[in-house]
């Protein structure tokens, strides 16, 4: 008669398996929390950097161009607030045009005096026949959304209202991307002792896509400030 030898097999008890599962669960929870935090911090940092970079791009563009302009060819206007009839200019992103018929004699007859805040600046650098225009306008359908636009016009000295009007050969360059909302853009100036203009720009922007949602504890807004002076020679 053949005898079959029985081997003993080791195993885990139910208690040991439960303890192992609990430990693995804790490790997975900690790992997922750390990973989620890293993704959140990276996204927040990227959004902030994008907003700062786009604001700095606008400011550097203004520094390079306005510095080489004659103070007599620099004008500041405020068309983002209602005129005497309650009309304002806004931007239509779908058709890429600035819309809104306003009282040109009320808004564009003369530039704003020093100390007042505007949303449009028009200037002509030395040696240029064309004028350059930069303006801040709210969305025609969403007053909480804003855009910074750049364009040019010919001989605006007596026709400043035409710079942002649509025309067959005109163009509008959008200086902020779809990822960044310009909440506010203020321009003001003061005259220096030598007759030049010291112009101040304040840009308030925020990312459009925010990982933390609309009620995140981190401040979404990015504020950048720039100052530039014209360098006209006064004899």
Protein backbone atom coordinates (compact mmCIF):
# COMPACT_ATOMS: atom_id res chain seq x y z
CA UNK A 1 0.00 0.00 0.00
CA UNK A 2 1.35 3.36 -1.06
CA UNK A 3 1.20 6.15 1.50
CA UNK A 4 0.69 9.73 0.22
CA UNK A 5 2.68 12.29 2.08
CA UNK A 6 0.65 15.38 2.93
CA UNK A 7 2.49 18.71 2.71
CA UNK A 8 1.64 21.62 4.92
CA UNK A 9 0.97 24.94 3.16
CA UNK A 10 1.41 28.28 4.91
CA UNK A 11 -1.10 31.14 4.49
CA UNK A 12 -2.34 34.44 5.88
CA UNK A 13 -5.01 34.73 8.44
CA UNK A 14 -8.03 36.97 7.88
CA UNK A 15 -6.70 39.47 10.43
CA UNK A 16 -3.36 39.76 8.63
CA UNK A 17 -5.08 40.33 5.30
CA UNK A 18 -7.32 43.05 6.77
CA UNK A 19 -4.31 44.80 8.31
CA UNK A 20 -2.43 44.65 4.97
CA UNK A 21 -5.40 46.04 3.06
CA UNK A 22 -5.78 48.86 5.60
CA UNK A 23 -2.09 49.80 5.33
CA UNK A 24 -2.22 49.78 1.52
CA UNK A 25 -5.35 51.92 1.61
CA UNK A 26 -3.68 54.52 3.81
CA UNK A 27 -0.62 54.58 1.52
CA UNK A 28 -2.80 55.02 -1.56
CA UNK A 29 -4.78 57.84 0.06
CA UNK A 30 -1.59 59.67 1.05
CA UNK A 31 -0.09 59.17 -2.41
CA UNK A 32 -3.19 60.42 -4.21
CA UNK A 33 -3.41 63.45 -1.89
CA UNK A 34 0.23 64.37 -2.52
CA UNK A 35 -0.16 63.89 -6.28
CA UNK A 36 -3.34 65.96 -6.36
CA UNK A 37 -1.62 68.74 -4.40
CA UNK A 38 1.36 68.74 -6.76
CA UNK A 39 -0.93 68.97 -9.80
CA UNK A 40 -2.90 71.77 -8.16
CA UNK A 41 0.22 73.77 -7.27
CA UNK A 42 1.66 73.28 -10.76
CA UNK A 43 -1.58 74.43 -12.43
CA UNK A 44 -1.92 77.47 -10.17
CA UNK A 45 1.72 78.40 -10.78
CA UNK A 46 1.35 78.02 -14.56
CA UNK A 47 -1.78 80.18 -14.60
CA UNK A 48 -0.10 82.89 -12.55
CA UNK A 49 3.00 82.86 -14.75
CA UNK A 50 0.89 83.09 -17.91
CA UNK A 51 -1.02 86.09 -16.53
CA UNK A 52 2.21 87.84 -15.50
CA UNK A 53 3.89 87.13 -18.85
CA UNK A 54 1.01 88.51 -20.88
CA UNK A 55 0.82 91.62 -18.71
CA UNK A 56 4.57 92.17 -19.05
CA UNK A 57 4.31 91.75 -22.82
CA UNK A 58 1.76 94.58 -23.01
CA UNK A 59 3.82 96.82 -20.73
CA UNK A 60 7.06 96.19 -22.63
CA UNK A 61 5.33 96.94 -25.93
CA UNK A 62 4.17 100.26 -24.54
CA UNK A 63 7.56 101.09 -23.04
CA UNK A 64 9.35 100.57 -26.34
CA UNK A 65 6.92 102.58 -28.46
CA UNK A 66 5.75 105.42 -26.23
CA UNK A 67 9.28 106.28 -25.12
CA UNK A 68 10.06 107.38 -28.68
CA UNK A 69 7.00 109.61 -29.06
CA UNK A 70 6.62 113.36 -28.97
CA UNK A 71 4.53 114.42 -25.94
CA UNK A 72 2.37 116.56 -28.23
CA UNK A 73 1.41 113.40 -30.12
CA UNK A 74 0.22 111.43 -27.07
CA UNK A 75 -3.50 111.43 -26.25
CA UNK A 76 -5.46 109.65 -23.57
CA UNK A 77 -9.21 108.92 -23.80
CA UNK A 78 -11.90 107.25 -21.72
CA UNK A 79 -14.45 105.41 -23.88
CA UNK A 80 -15.18 102.50 -21.53
CA UNK A 81 -17.53 104.60 -19.42
CA UNK A 82 -20.89 105.91 -20.63
CA UNK A 83 -20.89 109.19 -22.56
CA UNK A 84 -23.52 111.91 -22.10
CA UNK A 85 -26.09 109.59 -23.72
CA UNK A 86 -25.08 106.49 -21.77
CA UNK A 87 -23.24 104.79 -24.65
CA UNK A 88 -19.92 102.93 -24.34
CA UNK A 89 -17.52 101.13 -26.64
CA UNK A 90 -17.14 97.37 -26.27
CA UNK A 91 -15.39 94.56 -28.14
CA UNK A 92 -17.12 91.83 -30.12
CA UNK A 93 -14.68 88.85 -30.17
CA UNK A 94 -16.76 86.81 -32.61
CA UNK A 95 -16.55 89.46 -35.33
CA UNK A 96 -13.27 90.99 -34.11
CA UNK A 97 -14.57 94.57 -34.07
CA UNK A 98 -14.98 97.36 -31.56
CA UNK A 99 -18.66 98.28 -31.44
CA UNK A 100 -20.62 101.15 -29.98
CA UNK A 101 -21.41 104.56 -31.43
CA UNK A 102 -20.51 107.19 -28.91
CA UNK A 103 -20.52 110.98 -28.84
CA UNK A 104 -17.20 111.73 -30.50
CA UNK A 105 -17.32 115.38 -29.48
CA UNK A 106 -17.82 114.31 -25.88
CA UNK A 107 -15.11 111.62 -25.75
CA UNK A 108 -12.56 112.34 -28.48
CA UNK A 109 -12.69 116.11 -28.85
CA UNK A 110 -9.70 116.56 -26.55
CA UNK A 111 -7.50 114.19 -24.60
CA UNK A 112 -7.94 113.65 -20.89
CA UNK A 113 -6.06 116.08 -18.63
CA UNK A 114 -3.26 114.79 -16.42
CA UNK A 115 -4.32 112.83 -13.37
CA UNK A 116 -7.46 111.37 -14.93
CA UNK A 117 -7.74 107.68 -15.80
CA UNK A 118 -8.45 106.46 -19.33
CA UNK A 119 -8.72 103.16 -21.20
CA UNK A 120 -7.34 104.27 -24.59
CA UNK A 121 -3.98 105.76 -25.49
CA UNK A 122 -3.07 106.99 -28.97
CA UNK A 123 0.40 108.16 -29.91
CA UNK A 124 2.76 108.61 -32.83
CA UNK A 125 6.42 107.60 -32.48
CA UNK A 126 9.09 109.79 -34.04
CA UNK A 127 9.52 109.19 -37.76
CA UNK A 128 6.19 107.37 -38.17
CA UNK A 129 3.28 108.61 -40.27
CA UNK A 130 0.85 106.16 -38.66
CA UNK A 131 -0.48 106.49 -35.15
CA UNK A 132 -0.54 103.56 -32.74
CA UNK A 133 -3.56 102.90 -30.54
CA UNK A 134 -3.98 100.67 -27.53
CA UNK A 135 -7.29 100.27 -25.77
CA UNK A 136 -9.04 98.23 -23.10
CA UNK A 137 -12.62 97.17 -23.84
CA UNK A 138 -15.14 94.90 -22.14
CA UNK A 139 -16.84 92.04 -23.95
CA UNK A 140 -20.02 93.17 -25.72
CA UNK A 141 -21.92 90.26 -24.09
CA UNK A 142 -20.01 89.85 -20.82
CA UNK A 143 -19.08 93.00 -18.86
CA UNK A 144 -16.89 90.90 -16.54
CA UNK A 145 -14.54 89.97 -19.38
CA UNK A 146 -12.03 92.39 -20.88
CA UNK A 147 -9.56 92.63 -23.75
CA UNK A 148 -6.52 94.74 -24.63
CA UNK A 149 -6.46 95.65 -28.31
CA UNK A 150 -3.72 97.12 -30.47
CA UNK A 151 -4.18 98.81 -33.85
CA UNK A 152 -2.98 101.75 -35.92
CA UNK A 153 -4.48 104.61 -37.88
CA UNK A 154 -3.35 107.31 -40.25
CA UNK A 155 -3.38 111.00 -39.28
CA UNK A 156 -5.53 110.80 -36.15
CA UNK A 157 -4.78 114.27 -34.85
CA UNK A 158 -8.27 115.53 -35.77
CA UNK A 159 -10.04 112.18 -36.00
CA UNK A 160 -9.17 110.16 -32.89
CA UNK A 161 -12.52 108.36 -32.86
CA UNK A 162 -11.62 106.51 -36.08
CA UNK A 163 -8.71 104.51 -34.67
CA UNK A 164 -10.79 101.57 -33.42
CA UNK A 165 -13.54 101.84 -36.01
CA UNK A 166 -13.78 98.90 -38.38
CA UNK A 167 -12.62 99.59 -41.93
CA UNK A 168 -11.75 97.35 -44.89
CA UNK A 169 -8.01 97.77 -44.39
CA UNK A 170 -7.92 98.05 -40.62
CA UNK A 171 -6.80 95.34 -38.24
CA UNK A 172 -7.09 94.61 -34.56
CA UNK A 173 -4.46 92.69 -32.65
CA UNK A 174 -5.63 91.01 -29.45
CA UNK A 175 -2.81 91.23 -26.90
CA UNK A 176 -4.23 88.86 -24.27
CA UNK A 177 -4.92 85.21 -25.00
CA UNK A 178 -8.16 83.30 -24.47
CA UNK A 179 -6.68 81.92 -21.25
CA UNK A 180 -6.35 85.32 -19.57
CA UNK A 181 -9.08 87.78 -18.68
CA UNK A 182 -8.15 91.45 -18.33
CA UNK A 183 -10.32 92.66 -15.48
CA UNK A 184 -9.12 96.26 -15.57
CA UNK A 185 -6.58 98.39 -17.39
CA UNK A 186 -6.03 101.98 -16.30
CA UNK A 187 -3.84 104.60 -17.95
CA UNK A 188 -2.94 107.99 -16.52
CA UNK A 189 -0.18 110.53 -16.94
CA UNK A 190 1.44 113.59 -15.46
CA UNK A 191 3.68 116.22 -16.99
CA UNK A 192 7.30 116.41 -15.95
CA UNK A 193 9.28 119.61 -15.49
CA UNK A 194 10.81 119.33 -18.99
CA UNK A 195 7.41 118.98 -20.69
CA UNK A 196 7.48 115.21 -21.20
CA UNK A 197 4.71 112.84 -20.12
CA UNK A 198 5.21 110.29 -17.36
CA UNK A 199 2.60 107.65 -18.16
CA UNK A 200 1.42 105.01 -15.67
CA UNK A 201 -0.23 101.73 -16.63
CA UNK A 202 -2.10 99.41 -14.24
CA UNK A 203 -3.16 95.97 -15.47
CA UNK A 204 -5.37 93.66 -13.41
CA UNK A 205 -5.65 90.20 -14.96
CA UNK A 206 -6.69 86.70 -13.96
CA UNK A 207 -6.61 83.20 -15.50
CA UNK A 208 -9.80 82.03 -17.16
CA UNK A 209 -9.40 78.32 -16.32
CA UNK A 210 -8.84 77.87 -12.60
CA UNK A 211 -8.19 74.46 -11.08
CA UNK A 212 -9.55 75.45 -7.68
CA UNK A 213 -12.88 76.67 -9.03
CA UNK A 214 -14.39 80.14 -8.58
CA UNK A 215 -14.18 80.01 -4.78
CA UNK A 216 -10.55 78.98 -4.38
CA UNK A 217 -8.64 80.33 -1.39
CA UNK A 218 -5.74 81.50 -3.58
CA UNK A 219 -5.96 85.01 -5.01
CA UNK A 220 -6.57 84.68 -8.75
CA UNK A 221 -5.77 88.27 -9.69
CA UNK A 222 -2.38 89.39 -10.95
CA UNK A 223 -1.62 93.10 -10.74
CA UNK A 224 1.19 94.61 -12.80
CA UNK A 225 2.21 98.25 -12.94
CA UNK A 226 4.42 100.02 -15.46
CA UNK A 227 5.74 103.55 -15.85
CA UNK A 228 7.24 105.07 -18.99
CA UNK A 229 8.25 108.59 -19.93
CA UNK A 230 8.30 110.17 -23.35
CA UNK A 231 11.73 111.44 -24.35
CA UNK A 232 10.89 114.49 -26.37
CA UNK A 233 13.69 117.08 -26.49
CA UNK A 234 12.59 120.49 -25.29
CA UNK A 235 14.78 123.35 -26.53
